[in-house]
Amino acid sequence: MRIGTKLMVIGALVLALPLATVAYFAVTQATEGLQRMNNEKLSTAAQDLAQLRGADVGFHGGAGENVAGTAEANGPVPCGASAFNGS
């Protein structure tokens, strides 16, 4: 191999290895951040839905009894019925 070819291969490796390392860590950190953010949004949506249905833990009585106002006591909302106007 000629000296020019050797220098080009070594130069490419010197540039490519750190770039690949930084790219790997950037993708890993971005993936973890997006997963964390998605889990937080999902948790918030689940809490909002639970509050909307009245299934919050604070509304339940002890020993498995149903308290008026909970989702278990009221039952599911039928299709076509609105949960907001009582129909």
N, C-alpha and C. Protein backbone atom coordinates (compact mmCIF):
# COMPACT_ATOMS: atom_id res chain seq x y z
N MET A 1 0.84 -1.18 0.00
CA MET A 1 0.00 0.00 0.00
C MET A 1 0.89 1.24 0.00
N ARG A 2 0.42 2.23 -0.68
CA ARG A 2 1.17 3.48 -0.73
C ARG A 2 0.96 4.27 0.55
N ILE A 3 1.83 5.21 0.75
CA ILE A 3 1.75 6.04 1.97
C ILE A 3 0.49 6.91 1.97
N GLY A 4 0.08 7.41 0.80
CA GLY A 4 -1.14 8.23 0.71
C GLY A 4 -2.38 7.43 1.08
N THR A 5 -2.44 6.20 0.63
CA THR A 5 -3.58 5.34 0.94
C THR A 5 -3.62 5.01 2.43
N LYS A 6 -2.46 4.73 2.99
CA LYS A 6 -2.38 4.43 4.42
C LYS A 6 -2.83 5.63 5.25
N LEU A 7 -2.37 6.81 4.87
CA LEU A 7 -2.75 8.01 5.60
C LEU A 7 -4.26 8.27 5.50
N MET A 8 -4.84 8.01 4.34
CA MET A 8 -6.27 8.22 4.18
C MET A 8 -7.07 7.22 5.02
N VAL A 9 -6.65 5.96 5.06
CA VAL A 9 -7.35 4.95 5.86
C VAL A 9 -7.25 5.29 7.35
N ILE A 10 -6.04 5.62 7.80
CA ILE A 10 -5.85 5.97 9.20
C ILE A 10 -6.63 7.23 9.55
N GLY A 11 -6.62 8.22 8.70
CA GLY A 11 -7.37 9.46 8.92
C GLY A 11 -8.87 9.20 9.00
N ALA A 12 -9.35 8.33 8.12
CA ALA A 12 -10.77 7.99 8.15
C ALA A 12 -11.14 7.29 9.46
N LEU A 13 -10.29 6.39 9.92
CA LEU A 13 -10.54 5.70 11.18
C LEU A 13 -10.49 6.66 12.37
N VAL A 14 -9.54 7.58 12.33
CA VAL A 14 -9.41 8.56 13.42
C VAL A 14 -10.67 9.43 13.50
N LEU A 15 -11.28 9.71 12.37
CA LEU A 15 -12.50 10.50 12.38
C LEU A 15 -13.74 9.65 12.65
N ALA A 16 -13.79 8.44 12.12
CA ALA A 16 -15.00 7.62 12.18
C ALA A 16 -15.24 7.03 13.57
N LEU A 17 -14.21 6.59 14.25
CA LEU A 17 -14.42 5.95 15.55
C LEU A 17 -14.99 6.90 16.60
N PRO A 18 -14.43 8.09 16.80
CA PRO A 18 -15.06 9.00 17.77
C PRO A 18 -16.48 9.43 17.35
N LEU A 19 -16.67 9.61 16.04
CA LEU A 19 -17.99 10.00 15.55
C LEU A 19 -19.01 8.89 15.82
N ALA A 20 -18.63 7.65 15.61
CA ALA A 20 -19.53 6.53 15.87
C ALA A 20 -19.82 6.41 17.37
N THR A 21 -18.83 6.65 18.20
CA THR A 21 -19.02 6.57 19.65
C THR A 21 -20.00 7.65 20.12
N VAL A 22 -19.79 8.87 19.67
CA VAL A 22 -20.67 9.97 20.05
C VAL A 22 -22.08 9.72 19.53
N ALA A 23 -22.20 9.22 18.30
CA ALA A 23 -23.51 8.94 17.73
C ALA A 23 -24.24 7.87 18.55
N TYR A 24 -23.53 6.83 18.97
CA TYR A 24 -24.13 5.77 19.77
C TYR A 24 -24.69 6.33 21.09
N PHE A 25 -23.88 7.12 21.78
CA PHE A 25 -24.34 7.68 23.05
C PHE A 25 -25.47 8.67 22.85
N ALA A 26 -25.44 9.43 21.77
CA ALA A 26 -26.53 10.38 21.51
C ALA A 26 -27.84 9.65 21.25
N VAL A 27 -27.79 8.60 20.47
CA VAL A 27 -29.01 7.83 20.17
C VAL A 27 -29.51 7.15 21.44
N THR A 28 -28.61 6.61 22.24
CA THR A 28 -29.01 5.94 23.48
C THR A 28 -29.68 6.91 24.44
N GLN A 29 -29.08 8.07 24.64
CA GLN A 29 -29.65 9.07 25.55
C GLN A 29 -30.98 9.60 25.03
N ALA A 30 -31.07 9.84 23.72
CA ALA A 30 -32.33 10.33 23.15
C ALA A 30 -33.44 9.29 23.30
N THR A 31 -33.11 8.03 23.09
CA THR A 31 -34.10 6.97 23.23
C THR A 31 -34.60 6.88 24.66
N GLU A 32 -33.69 6.92 25.62
CA GLU A 32 -34.09 6.87 27.03
C GLU A 32 -34.95 8.07 27.40
N GLY A 33 -34.57 9.25 26.93
CA GLY A 33 -35.35 10.46 27.22
C GLY A 33 -36.74 10.39 26.63
N LEU A 34 -36.86 9.92 25.40
CA LEU A 34 -38.17 9.81 24.77
C LEU A 34 -39.04 8.76 25.47
N GLN A 35 -38.44 7.66 25.89
CA GLN A 35 -39.19 6.65 26.63
C GLN A 35 -39.69 7.20 27.96
N ARG A 36 -38.83 7.93 28.66
CA ARG A 36 -39.21 8.53 29.93
C ARG A 36 -40.35 9.53 29.74
N MET A 37 -40.23 10.37 28.71
CA MET A 37 -41.25 11.36 28.43
C MET A 37 -42.57 10.68 28.05
N ASN A 38 -42.50 9.61 27.26
CA ASN A 38 -43.69 8.89 26.86
C ASN A 38 -44.36 8.23 28.07
N ASN A 39 -43.57 7.67 28.96
CA ASN A 39 -44.13 7.05 30.16
C ASN A 39 -44.81 8.09 31.06
N GLU A 40 -44.22 9.27 31.17
CA GLU A 40 -44.82 10.34 31.97
C GLU A 40 -46.16 10.79 31.36
N LYS A 41 -46.19 10.93 30.03
CA LYS A 41 -47.43 11.33 29.37
C LYS A 41 -48.50 10.25 29.53
N LEU A 42 -48.09 8.99 29.42
CA LEU A 42 -49.04 7.89 29.59
C LEU A 42 -49.57 7.85 31.02
N SER A 43 -48.69 8.07 31.99
CA SER A 43 -49.11 8.08 33.38
C SER A 43 -50.08 9.23 33.65
N THR A 44 -49.78 10.39 33.12
CA THR A 44 -50.66 11.55 33.29
C THR A 44 -52.02 11.30 32.66
N ALA A 45 -52.02 10.72 31.46
CA ALA A 45 -53.29 10.42 30.79
C ALA A 45 -54.10 9.40 31.59
N ALA A 46 -53.44 8.40 32.15
CA ALA A 46 -54.14 7.40 32.95
C ALA A 46 -54.73 8.02 34.22
N GLN A 47 -53.97 8.92 34.85
CA GLN A 47 -54.48 9.59 36.05
C GLN A 47 -55.67 10.48 35.71
N ASP A 48 -55.59 11.20 34.59
CA ASP A 48 -56.70 12.06 34.17
C ASP A 48 -57.93 11.23 33.87
N LEU A 49 -57.74 10.10 33.20
CA LEU A 49 -58.88 9.23 32.89
C LEU A 49 -59.48 8.64 34.16
N ALA A 50 -58.65 8.27 35.11
CA ALA A 50 -59.15 7.73 36.37
C ALA A 50 -59.94 8.79 37.13
N GLN A 51 -59.46 10.02 37.12
CA GLN A 51 -60.19 11.09 37.80
C GLN A 51 -61.50 11.39 37.08
N LEU A 52 -61.49 11.33 35.76
CA LEU A 52 -62.70 11.59 34.99
C LEU A 52 -63.76 10.54 35.30
N ARG A 53 -63.34 9.28 35.46
CA ARG A 53 -64.26 8.19 35.77
C ARG A 53 -64.58 8.12 37.26
N GLY A 54 -63.91 8.89 38.09
CA GLY A 54 -64.18 8.86 39.52
C GLY A 54 -63.57 7.66 40.20
N ALA A 55 -62.55 7.07 39.60
CA ALA A 55 -61.95 5.85 40.16
C ALA A 55 -60.71 6.17 40.97
N ASP A 56 -60.61 7.38 41.46
CA ASP A 56 -59.45 7.76 42.25
C ASP A 56 -59.46 6.98 43.57
N VAL A 57 -58.30 6.66 44.08
CA VAL A 57 -58.19 5.86 45.29
C VAL A 57 -58.88 6.53 46.47
N GLY A 58 -58.87 7.83 46.55
CA GLY A 58 -59.45 8.54 47.66
C GLY A 58 -60.97 8.40 47.75
N PHE A 59 -61.64 7.97 46.69
CA PHE A 59 -63.08 7.85 46.70
C PHE A 59 -63.56 6.48 47.16
N HIS A 60 -62.69 5.50 47.24
CA HIS A 60 -63.08 4.14 47.59
C HIS A 60 -63.20 3.97 49.10
N GLY A 61 -64.18 3.20 49.52
CA GLY A 61 -64.33 2.85 50.92
C GLY A 61 -63.40 1.70 51.26
N GLY A 62 -63.35 1.33 52.52
CA GLY A 62 -62.47 0.26 52.95
C GLY A 62 -63.11 -1.11 52.75
N ALA A 63 -62.33 -2.14 52.84
CA ALA A 63 -62.75 -3.54 52.82
C ALA A 63 -63.58 -3.89 51.59
N GLY A 64 -63.27 -3.29 50.46
CA GLY A 64 -63.91 -3.66 49.21
C GLY A 64 -65.30 -3.11 48.99
N GLU A 65 -65.79 -2.24 49.86
CA GLU A 65 -67.14 -1.73 49.67
C GLU A 65 -67.12 -0.62 48.62
N ASN A 66 -68.22 -0.50 47.88
CA ASN A 66 -68.33 0.54 46.87
C ASN A 66 -68.99 1.76 47.48
N VAL A 67 -68.43 2.89 47.19
CA VAL A 67 -68.97 4.16 47.68
C VAL A 67 -69.61 4.86 46.50
N ALA A 68 -70.76 5.49 46.71
CA ALA A 68 -71.43 6.19 45.62
C ALA A 68 -70.47 7.21 45.02
N GLY A 69 -70.44 7.24 43.71
CA GLY A 69 -69.55 8.16 43.01
C GLY A 69 -68.35 7.47 42.41
N THR A 70 -68.13 6.20 42.74
CA THR A 70 -67.00 5.50 42.14
C THR A 70 -67.45 4.83 40.87
N ALA A 71 -66.50 4.47 40.03
CA ALA A 71 -66.81 3.82 38.76
C ALA A 71 -67.47 2.47 39.00
N GLU A 72 -67.07 1.74 40.05
CA GLU A 72 -67.65 0.43 40.32
C GLU A 72 -69.11 0.54 40.74
N ALA A 73 -69.43 1.57 41.52
CA ALA A 73 -70.80 1.73 41.99
C ALA A 73 -71.72 2.20 40.87
N ASN A 74 -71.23 3.06 40.00
CA ASN A 74 -72.04 3.61 38.93
C ASN A 74 -72.10 2.71 37.71
N GLY A 75 -71.15 1.84 37.53
CA GLY A 75 -71.11 0.98 36.36
C GLY A 75 -70.54 1.71 35.17
N PRO A 76 -70.37 0.98 34.09
CA PRO A 76 -69.80 1.61 32.90
C PRO A 76 -70.79 2.56 32.25
N VAL A 77 -70.29 3.51 31.51
CA VAL A 77 -71.14 4.44 30.77
C VAL A 77 -71.54 3.74 29.48
N PRO A 78 -72.84 3.58 29.21
CA PRO A 78 -73.28 2.90 27.99
C PRO A 78 -72.83 3.63 26.74
N CYS A 79 -72.71 2.89 25.64
CA CYS A 79 -72.33 3.51 24.36
C CYS A 79 -73.36 4.55 23.98
N GLY A 80 -72.91 5.66 23.52
CA GLY A 80 -73.80 6.73 23.08
C GLY A 80 -74.24 7.64 24.20
N ALA A 81 -73.99 7.24 25.44
CA ALA A 81 -74.38 8.08 26.57
C ALA A 81 -73.24 9.02 26.93
N SER A 82 -73.57 10.13 27.45
CA SER A 82 -72.55 11.10 27.85
C SER A 82 -72.29 10.98 29.33
N ALA A 83 -71.02 11.00 29.70
CA ALA A 83 -70.65 10.93 31.11
C ALA A 83 -70.81 12.29 31.78
N PHE A 84 -71.08 13.33 30.99
CA PHE A 84 -71.09 14.68 31.55
C PHE A 84 -72.49 15.20 31.86
N ASN A 85 -73.51 14.75 31.12
CA ASN A 85 -74.84 15.30 31.36
C ASN A 85 -75.76 14.32 32.07
N GLY A 86 -75.24 13.19 32.52
CA GLY A 86 -76.01 12.26 33.33
C GLY A 86 -76.92 11.35 32.53
N SER A 87 -76.86 11.35 31.21
CA SER A 87 -77.76 10.48 30.43
C SER A 87 -77.11 9.14 30.15
